[in-house]
Amino acid sequence: MKTLLEHRRPLFWDIPEHAIKTALQDSPEWVISRVFEYGSIADIDALIAFYGTEKIKTVLSTSNMKPITRSMAFLFLGFDPEGYYAA
């Protein structure tokens, strides 16, 4: 499956350009965290289309989310596993 994320070099500045496609396939945990921390709204939309909401929720629920990641997960997915936004 092709995604616009393959061409988002600024998101993956620390790996060779030819390795981005492999990272998308083999390292979803790293990619998901990276995009939620540094990506644009369009990047997050592409990420959701590529991995699906359930995969992303599973990954985020097992990671130590930074505040920006937590906010984006709530805004895009209504996902708040730590109850941070609960009233």
PDB file of N, CA and C in Angstrom:
ATOM      1  N   MET A   1       0.841  -1.182   0.000  1.00  0.00           N
ATOM      2  CA  MET A   1       0.000   0.000   0.000  1.00  0.00           C
ATOM      3  C   MET A   1       0.887   1.247   0.000  1.00  0.00           C
ATOM      4  N   LYS A   2       0.570   2.178  -0.844  1.00  0.00           N
ATOM      5  CA  LYS A   2       1.335   3.413  -0.975  1.00  0.00           C
ATOM      6  C   LYS A   2       0.745   4.493  -0.064  1.00  0.00           C
ATOM      7  N   THR A   3       1.586   5.368   0.427  1.00  0.00           N
ATOM      8  CA  THR A   3       1.153   6.462   1.283  1.00  0.00           C
ATOM      9  C   THR A   3       2.001   7.702   1.002  1.00  0.00           C
ATOM     10  N   LEU A   4       1.405   8.855   1.246  1.00  0.00           N
ATOM     11  CA  LEU A   4       2.142  10.116   1.091  1.00  0.00           C
ATOM     12  C   LEU A   4       3.292  10.224   2.085  1.00  0.00           C
ATOM     13  N   LEU A   5       3.232   9.457   3.162  1.00  0.00           N
ATOM     14  CA  LEU A   5       4.289   9.509   4.168  1.00  0.00           C
ATOM     15  C   LEU A   5       5.637   9.070   3.614  1.00  0.00           C
ATOM     16  N   GLU A   6       5.628   8.273   2.557  1.00  0.00           N
ATOM     17  CA  GLU A   6       6.883   7.831   1.944  1.00  0.00           C
ATOM     18  C   GLU A   6       7.699   9.017   1.423  1.00  0.00           C
ATOM     19  N   HIS A   7       7.029  10.125   1.165  1.00  0.00           N
ATOM     20  CA  HIS A   7       7.681  11.298   0.584  1.00  0.00           C
ATOM     21  C   HIS A   7       7.839  12.445   1.574  1.00  0.00           C
ATOM     22  N   ARG A   8       7.657  12.164   2.850  1.00  0.00           N
ATOM     23  CA  ARG A   8       7.742  13.211   3.875  1.00  0.00           C
ATOM     24  C   ARG A   8       9.099  13.168   4.567  1.00  0.00           C
ATOM     25  N   ARG A   9      10.124  13.474   3.810  1.00  0.00           N
ATOM     26  CA  ARG A   9      11.495  13.449   4.291  1.00  0.00           C
ATOM     27  C   ARG A   9      11.694  14.219   5.597  1.00  0.00           C
ATOM     28  N   PRO A  10      11.073  15.384   5.794  1.00  0.00           N
ATOM     29  CA  PRO A  10      11.281  16.109   7.054  1.00  0.00           C
ATOM     30  C   PRO A  10      10.858  15.321   8.302  1.00  0.00           C
ATOM     31  N   LEU A  11       9.912  14.418   8.174  1.00  0.00           N
ATOM     32  CA  LEU A  11       9.492  13.606   9.321  1.00  0.00           C
ATOM     33  C   LEU A  11      10.533  12.549   9.690  1.00  0.00           C
ATOM     34  N   PHE A  12      11.256  12.098   8.690  1.00  0.00           N
ATOM     35  CA  PHE A  12      12.189  10.992   8.889  1.00  0.00           C
ATOM     36  C   PHE A  12      13.615  11.444   8.577  1.00  0.00           C
ATOM     37  N   TRP A  13      13.998  12.558   9.174  1.00  0.00           N
ATOM     38  CA  TRP A  13      15.277  13.192   8.896  1.00  0.00           C
ATOM     39  C   TRP A  13      16.470  12.329   9.319  1.00  0.00           C
ATOM     40  N   ASP A  14      16.249  11.409  10.233  1.00  0.00           N
ATOM     41  CA  ASP A  14      17.373  10.674  10.804  1.00  0.00           C
ATOM     42  C   ASP A  14      17.598   9.289  10.195  1.00  0.00           C
ATOM     43  N   ILE A  15      16.878   8.978   9.131  1.00  0.00           N
ATOM     44  CA  ILE A  15      17.122   7.721   8.415  1.00  0.00           C
ATOM     45  C   ILE A  15      17.302   8.045   6.935  1.00  0.00           C
ATOM     46  N   PRO A  16      18.005   7.198   6.202  1.00  0.00           N
ATOM     47  CA  PRO A  16      18.180   7.446   4.765  1.00  0.00           C
ATOM     48  C   PRO A  16      16.822   7.446   4.047  1.00  0.00           C
ATOM     49  N   GLU A  17      16.712   8.262   3.023  1.00  0.00           N
ATOM     50  CA  GLU A  17      15.451   8.390   2.304  1.00  0.00           C
ATOM     51  C   GLU A  17      14.949   7.050   1.772  1.00  0.00           C
ATOM     52  N   HIS A  18      15.858   6.207   1.292  1.00  0.00           N
ATOM     53  CA  HIS A  18      15.444   4.916   0.749  1.00  0.00           C
ATOM     54  C   HIS A  18      14.910   3.968   1.829  1.00  0.00           C
ATOM     55  N   ALA A  19      15.129   4.284   3.104  1.00  0.00           N
ATOM     56  CA  ALA A  19      14.690   3.424   4.204  1.00  0.00           C
ATOM     57  C   ALA A  19      13.308   3.783   4.742  1.00  0.00           C
ATOM     58  N   ILE A  20      12.725   4.868   4.270  1.00  0.00           N
ATOM     59  CA  ILE A  20      11.427   5.302   4.787  1.00  0.00           C
ATOM     60  C   ILE A  20      10.347   4.256   4.529  1.00  0.00           C
ATOM     61  N   LYS A  21      10.283   3.743   3.324  1.00  0.00           N
ATOM     62  CA  LYS A  21       9.260   2.749   2.988  1.00  0.00           C
ATOM     63  C   LYS A  21       9.406   1.503   3.871  1.00  0.00           C
ATOM     64  N   THR A  22      10.623   1.076   4.103  1.00  0.00           N
ATOM     65  CA  THR A  22      10.864  -0.079   4.964  1.00  0.00           C
ATOM     66  C   THR A  22      10.438   0.215   6.397  1.00  0.00           C
ATOM     67  N   ALA A  23      10.734   1.405   6.882  1.00  0.00           N
ATOM     68  CA  ALA A  23      10.333   1.782   8.239  1.00  0.00           C
ATOM     69  C   ALA A  23       8.813   1.774   8.385  1.00  0.00           C
ATOM     70  N   LEU A  24       8.116   2.251   7.364  1.00  0.00           N
ATOM     71  CA  LEU A  24       6.652   2.245   7.410  1.00  0.00           C
ATOM     72  C   LEU A  24       6.116   0.826   7.543  1.00  0.00           C
ATOM     73  N   GLN A  25       6.759  -0.120   6.902  1.00  0.00           N
ATOM     74  CA  GLN A  25       6.323  -1.514   6.942  1.00  0.00           C
ATOM     75  C   GLN A  25       6.782  -2.232   8.215  1.00  0.00           C
ATOM     76  N   ASP A  26       8.031  -2.023   8.609  1.00  0.00           N
ATOM     77  CA  ASP A  26       8.636  -2.828   9.668  1.00  0.00           C
ATOM     78  C   ASP A  26       8.633  -2.196  11.060  1.00  0.00           C
ATOM     79  N   SER A  27       8.400  -0.908  11.160  1.00  0.00           N
ATOM     80  CA  SER A  27       8.501  -0.219  12.456  1.00  0.00           C
ATOM     81  C   SER A  27       7.299   0.688  12.722  1.00  0.00           C
ATOM     82  N   PRO A  28       6.097   0.141  12.712  1.00  0.00           N
ATOM     83  CA  PRO A  28       4.924   1.005  12.892  1.00  0.00           C
ATOM     84  C   PRO A  28       4.913   1.747  14.230  1.00  0.00           C
ATOM     85  N   GLU A  29       5.448   1.147  15.275  1.00  0.00           N
ATOM     86  CA  GLU A  29       5.463   1.817  16.577  1.00  0.00           C
ATOM     87  C   GLU A  29       6.268   3.104  16.502  1.00  0.00           C
ATOM     88  N   TRP A  30       7.437   3.008  15.899  1.00  0.00           N
ATOM     89  CA  TRP A  30       8.303   4.181  15.770  1.00  0.00           C
ATOM     90  C   TRP A  30       7.667   5.225  14.860  1.00  0.00           C
ATOM     91  N   VAL A  31       7.128   4.788  13.734  1.00  0.00           N
ATOM     92  CA  VAL A  31       6.518   5.705  12.759  1.00  0.00           C
ATOM     93  C   VAL A  31       5.317   6.416  13.368  1.00  0.00           C
ATOM     94  N   ILE A  32       4.454   5.679  14.025  1.00  0.00           N
ATOM     95  CA  ILE A  32       3.245   6.280  14.609  1.00  0.00           C
ATOM     96  C   ILE A  32       3.619   7.335  15.636  1.00  0.00           C
ATOM     97  N   SER A  33       4.533   7.015  16.528  1.00  0.00           N
ATOM     98  CA  SER A  33       4.965   8.008  17.523  1.00  0.00           C
ATOM     99  C   SER A  33       5.583   9.223  16.853  1.00  0.00           C
ATOM    100  N   ARG A  34       6.421   8.994  15.857  1.00  0.00           N
ATOM    101  CA  ARG A  34       7.095  10.083  15.155  1.00  0.00           C
ATOM    102  C   ARG A  34       6.084  11.020  14.492  1.00  0.00           C
ATOM    103  N   VAL A  35       5.123  10.459  13.788  1.00  0.00           N
ATOM    104  CA  VAL A  35       4.154  11.286  13.063  1.00  0.00           C
ATOM    105  C   VAL A  35       3.257  12.045  14.039  1.00  0.00           C
ATOM    106  N   PHE A  36       2.840  11.415  15.132  1.00  0.00           N
ATOM    107  CA  PHE A  36       2.003  12.122  16.098  1.00  0.00           C
ATOM    108  C   PHE A  36       2.774  13.225  16.809  1.00  0.00           C
ATOM    109  N   GLU A  37       4.077  13.071  16.967  1.00  0.00           N
ATOM    110  CA  GLU A  37       4.879  14.090  17.630  1.00  0.00           C
ATOM    111  C   GLU A  37       5.271  15.238  16.704  1.00  0.00           C
ATOM    112  N   TYR A  38       5.601  14.930  15.447  1.00  0.00           N
ATOM    113  CA  TYR A  38       6.181  15.942  14.568  1.00  0.00           C
ATOM    114  C   TYR A  38       5.392  16.213  13.290  1.00  0.00           C
ATOM    115  N   GLY A  39       4.386  15.411  13.015  1.00  0.00           N
ATOM    116  CA  GLY A  39       3.681  15.528  11.747  1.00  0.00           C
ATOM    117  C   GLY A  39       2.643  16.635  11.705  1.00  0.00           C
ATOM    118  N   SER A  40       2.249  16.941  10.494  1.00  0.00           N
ATOM    119  CA  SER A  40       1.184  17.911  10.267  1.00  0.00           C
ATOM    120  C   SER A  40      -0.170  17.202  10.338  1.00  0.00           C
ATOM    121  N   ILE A  41      -1.233  17.962  10.233  1.00  0.00           N
ATOM    122  CA  ILE A  41      -2.567  17.374  10.205  1.00  0.00           C
ATOM    123  C   ILE A  41      -2.690  16.407   9.026  1.00  0.00           C
ATOM    124  N   ALA A  42      -2.169  16.795   7.871  1.00  0.00           N
ATOM    125  CA  ALA A  42      -2.211  15.924   6.693  1.00  0.00           C
ATOM    126  C   ALA A  42      -1.403  14.642   6.926  1.00  0.00           C
ATOM    127  N   ASP A  43      -0.293  14.752   7.638  1.00  0.00           N
ATOM    128  CA  ASP A  43       0.514  13.568   7.943  1.00  0.00           C
ATOM    129  C   ASP A  43      -0.250  12.599   8.842  1.00  0.00           C
ATOM    130  N   ILE A  44      -0.925  13.131   9.837  1.00  0.00           N
ATOM    131  CA  ILE A  44      -1.694  12.280  10.739  1.00  0.00           C
ATOM    132  C   ILE A  44      -2.859  11.635   9.999  1.00  0.00           C
ATOM    133  N   ASP A  45      -3.513  12.382   9.128  1.00  0.00           N
ATOM    134  CA  ASP A  45      -4.578  11.800   8.300  1.00  0.00           C
ATOM    135  C   ASP A  45      -4.035  10.663   7.430  1.00  0.00           C
ATOM    136  N   ALA A  46      -2.862  10.856   6.832  1.00  0.00           N
ATOM    137  CA  ALA A  46      -2.249   9.814   6.003  1.00  0.00           C
ATOM    138  C   ALA A  46      -1.869   8.602   6.853  1.00  0.00           C
ATOM    139  N   LEU A  47      -1.412   8.842   8.063  1.00  0.00           N
ATOM    140  CA  LEU A  47      -1.056   7.766   8.972  1.00  0.00           C
ATOM    141  C   LEU A  47      -2.281   6.920   9.322  1.00  0.00           C
ATOM    142  N   ILE A  48      -3.387   7.582   9.622  1.00  0.00           N
ATOM    143  CA  ILE A  48      -4.630   6.874   9.941  1.00  0.00           C
ATOM    144  C   ILE A  48      -5.103   6.058   8.746  1.00  0.00           C
ATOM    145  N   ALA A  49      -5.013   6.635   7.560  1.00  0.00           N
ATOM    146  CA  ALA A  49      -5.412   5.902   6.352  1.00  0.00           C
ATOM    147  C   ALA A  49      -4.503   4.698   6.116  1.00  0.00           C
ATOM    148  N   PHE A  50      -3.238   4.822   6.438  1.00  0.00           N
ATOM    149  CA  PHE A  50      -2.269   3.755   6.185  1.00  0.00           C
ATOM    150  C   PHE A  50      -2.383   2.612   7.196  1.00  0.00           C
ATOM    151  N   TYR A  51      -2.416   2.935   8.491  1.00  0.00           N
ATOM    152  CA  TYR A  51      -2.414   1.904   9.530  1.00  0.00           C
ATOM    153  C   TYR A  51      -3.804   1.567  10.068  1.00  0.00           C
ATOM    154  N   GLY A  52      -4.731   2.514  10.007  1.00  0.00           N
ATOM    155  CA  GLY A  52      -6.053   2.306  10.597  1.00  0.00           C
ATOM    156  C   GLY A  52      -6.078   2.735  12.054  1.00  0.00           C
ATOM    157  N   THR A  53      -7.250   3.112  12.523  1.00  0.00           N
ATOM    158  CA  THR A  53      -7.358   3.651  13.883  1.00  0.00           C
ATOM    159  C   THR A  53      -7.052   2.617  14.957  1.00  0.00           C
ATOM    160  N   GLU A  54      -7.457   1.383  14.764  1.00  0.00           N
ATOM    161  CA  GLU A  54      -7.231   0.369  15.806  1.00  0.00           C
ATOM    162  C   GLU A  54      -5.745   0.093  16.016  1.00  0.00           C
ATOM    163  N   LYS A  55      -4.980  -0.008  14.940  1.00  0.00           N
ATOM    164  CA  LYS A  55      -3.534  -0.226  15.050  1.00  0.00           C
ATOM    165  C   LYS A  55      -2.892   0.957  15.769  1.00  0.00           C
ATOM    166  N   ILE A  56      -3.294   2.148  15.407  1.00  0.00           N
ATOM    167  CA  ILE A  56      -2.717   3.342  16.035  1.00  0.00           C
ATOM    168  C   ILE A  56      -3.070   3.389  17.513  1.00  0.00           C
ATOM    169  N   LYS A  57      -4.304   3.108  17.856  1.00  0.00           N
ATOM    170  CA  LYS A  57      -4.707   3.100  19.271  1.00  0.00           C
ATOM    171  C   LYS A  57      -3.924   2.058  20.053  1.00  0.00           C
ATOM    172  N   THR A  58      -3.727   0.891  19.465  1.00  0.00           N
ATOM    173  CA  THR A  58      -2.963  -0.163  20.133  1.00  0.00           C
ATOM    174  C   THR A  58      -1.539   0.298  20.408  1.00  0.00           C
ATOM    175  N   VAL A  59      -0.912   0.887  19.420  1.00  0.00           N
ATOM    176  CA  VAL A  59       0.464   1.364  19.586  1.00  0.00           C
ATOM    177  C   VAL A  59       0.525   2.475  20.625  1.00  0.00           C
ATOM    178  N   LEU A  60      -0.355   3.445  20.528  1.00  0.00           N
ATOM    179  CA  LEU A  60      -0.324   4.568  21.463  1.00  0.00           C
ATOM    180  C   LEU A  60      -0.653   4.144  22.889  1.00  0.00           C
ATOM    181  N   SER A  61      -1.484   3.128  23.042  1.00  0.00           N
ATOM    182  CA  SER A  61      -1.851   2.698  24.396  1.00  0.00           C
ATOM    183  C   SER A  61      -0.681   2.036  25.119  1.00  0.00           C
ATOM    184  N   THR A  62       0.313   1.572  24.379  1.00  0.00           N
ATOM    185  CA  THR A  62       1.469   0.931  25.005  1.00  0.00           C
ATOM    186  C   THR A  62       2.694   1.832  25.035  1.00  0.00           C
ATOM    187  N   SER A  63       2.542   3.068  24.568  1.00  0.00           N
ATOM    188  CA  SER A  63       3.693   3.965  24.553  1.00  0.00           C
ATOM    189  C   SER A  63       3.548   5.026  25.634  1.00  0.00           C
ATOM    190  N   ASN A  64       4.655   5.607  25.996  1.00  0.00           N
ATOM    191  CA  ASN A  64       4.654   6.712  26.941  1.00  0.00           C
ATOM    192  C   ASN A  64       4.458   7.984  26.130  1.00  0.00           C
ATOM    193  N   MET A  65       3.224   8.439  26.028  1.00  0.00           N
ATOM    194  CA  MET A  65       2.908   9.559  25.152  1.00  0.00           C
ATOM    195  C   MET A  65       3.389  10.889  25.723  1.00  0.00           C
ATOM    196  N   LYS A  66       4.008  11.656  24.852  1.00  0.00           N
ATOM    197  CA  LYS A  66       4.352  13.025  25.195  1.00  0.00           C
ATOM    198  C   LYS A  66       3.060  13.845  25.167  1.00  0.00           C
ATOM    199  N   PRO A  67       3.037  15.012  25.799  1.00  0.00           N
ATOM    200  CA  PRO A  67       1.805  15.811  25.814  1.00  0.00           C
ATOM    201  C   PRO A  67       1.241  16.108  24.423  1.00  0.00           C
ATOM    202  N   ILE A  68       2.097  16.410  23.456  1.00  0.00           N
ATOM    203  CA  ILE A  68       1.591  16.710  22.113  1.00  0.00           C
ATOM    204  C   ILE A  68       0.963  15.470  21.479  1.00  0.00           C
ATOM    205  N   THR A  69       1.569  14.310  21.704  1.00  0.00           N
ATOM    206  CA  THR A  69       1.033  13.067  21.165  1.00  0.00           C
ATOM    207  C   THR A  69      -0.323  12.776  21.792  1.00  0.00           C
ATOM    208  N   ARG A  70      -0.429  12.958  23.098  1.00  0.00           N
ATOM    209  CA  ARG A  70      -1.682  12.739  23.810  1.00  0.00           C
ATOM    210  C   ARG A  70      -2.781  13.653  23.266  1.00  0.00           C
ATOM    211  N   SER A  71      -2.443  14.912  23.052  1.00  0.00           N
ATOM    212  CA  SER A  71      -3.425  15.872  22.528  1.00  0.00           C
ATOM    213  C   SER A  71      -3.888  15.490  21.130  1.00  0.00           C
ATOM    214  N   MET A  72      -2.946  15.129  20.274  1.00  0.00           N
ATOM    215  CA  MET A  72      -3.310  14.764  18.908  1.00  0.00           C
ATOM    216  C   MET A  72      -4.133  13.477  18.873  1.00  0.00           C
ATOM    217  N   ALA A  73      -3.794  12.515  19.715  1.00  0.00           N
ATOM    218  CA  ALA A  73      -4.555  11.268  19.770  1.00  0.00           C
ATOM    219  C   ALA A  73      -5.994  11.546  20.185  1.00  0.00           C
ATOM    220  N   PHE A  74      -6.172  12.450  21.124  1.00  0.00           N
ATOM    221  CA  PHE A  74      -7.517  12.796  21.565  1.00  0.00           C
ATOM    222  C   PHE A  74      -8.278  13.540  20.468  1.00  0.00           C
ATOM    223  N   LEU A  75      -7.623  14.489  19.835  1.00  0.00           N
ATOM    224  CA  LEU A  75      -8.286  15.290  18.805  1.00  0.00           C
ATOM    225  C   LEU A  75      -8.638  14.474  17.561  1.00  0.00           C
ATOM    226  N   PHE A  76      -7.749  13.604  17.128  1.00  0.00           N
ATOM    227  CA  PHE A  76      -7.974  12.849  15.898  1.00  0.00           C
ATOM    228  C   PHE A  76      -8.744  11.553  16.095  1.00  0.00           C
ATOM    229  N   LEU A  77      -8.561  10.924  17.254  1.00  0.00           N
ATOM    230  CA  LEU A  77      -9.133   9.604  17.453  1.00  0.00           C
ATOM    231  C   LEU A  77     -10.117   9.525  18.621  1.00  0.00           C
ATOM    232  N   GLY A  78     -10.243  10.614  19.378  1.00  0.00           N
ATOM    233  CA  GLY A  78     -11.066  10.561  20.585  1.00  0.00           C
ATOM    234  C   GLY A  78     -10.488   9.560  21.577  1.00  0.00           C
ATOM    235  N   PHE A  79      -9.182   9.383  21.528  1.00  0.00           N
ATOM    236  CA  PHE A  79      -8.482   8.347  22.281  1.00  0.00           C
ATOM    237  C   PHE A  79      -7.777   8.966  23.473  1.00  0.00           C
ATOM    238  N   ASP A  80      -8.116   8.503  24.667  1.00  0.00           N
ATOM    239  CA  ASP A  80      -7.566   9.059  25.897  1.00  0.00           C
ATOM    240  C   ASP A  80      -7.371   7.937  26.922  1.00  0.00           C
ATOM    241  N   PRO A  81      -6.405   7.027  26.674  1.00  0.00           N
ATOM    242  CA  PRO A  81      -6.268   5.852  27.545  1.00  0.00           C
ATOM    243  C   PRO A  81      -5.896   6.171  28.986  1.00  0.00           C
ATOM    244  N   GLU A  82      -5.280   7.309  29.203  1.00  0.00           N
ATOM    245  CA  GLU A  82      -4.872   7.684  30.564  1.00  0.00           C
ATOM    246  C   GLU A  82      -5.937   8.503  31.284  1.00  0.00           C
ATOM    247  N   GLY A  83      -7.038   8.802  30.618  1.00  0.00           N
ATOM    248  CA  GLY A  83      -8.085   9.608  31.227  1.00  0.00           C
ATOM    249  C   GLY A  83      -7.651  11.040  31.494  1.00  0.00           C
ATOM    250  N   TYR A  84      -6.710  11.498  30.722  1.00  0.00           N
ATOM    251  CA  TYR A  84      -6.149  12.832  30.899  1.00  0.00           C
ATOM    252  C   TYR A  84      -7.184  13.935  30.649  1.00  0.00           C
ATOM    253  N   TYR A  85      -8.070  13.706  29.698  1.00  0.00           N
ATOM    254  CA  TYR A  85      -9.061  14.718  29.340  1.00  0.00           C
ATOM    255  C   TYR A  85     -10.430  14.439  29.936  1.00  0.00           C
ATOM    256  N   ALA A  86     -10.546  13.421  30.755  1.00  0.00           N
ATOM    257  CA  ALA A  86     -11.835  13.087  31.360  1.00  0.00           C
ATOM    258  C   ALA A  86     -12.260  14.182  32.331  1.00  0.00           C
ATOM    259  N   ALA A  87     -13.516  14.446  32.334  1.00  0.00           N
ATOM    260  CA  ALA A  87     -14.043  15.494  33.223  1.00  0.00           C
ATOM    261  C   ALA A  87     -14.295  14.954  34.597  1.00  0.00           C
TER     262      ALA A  87
END
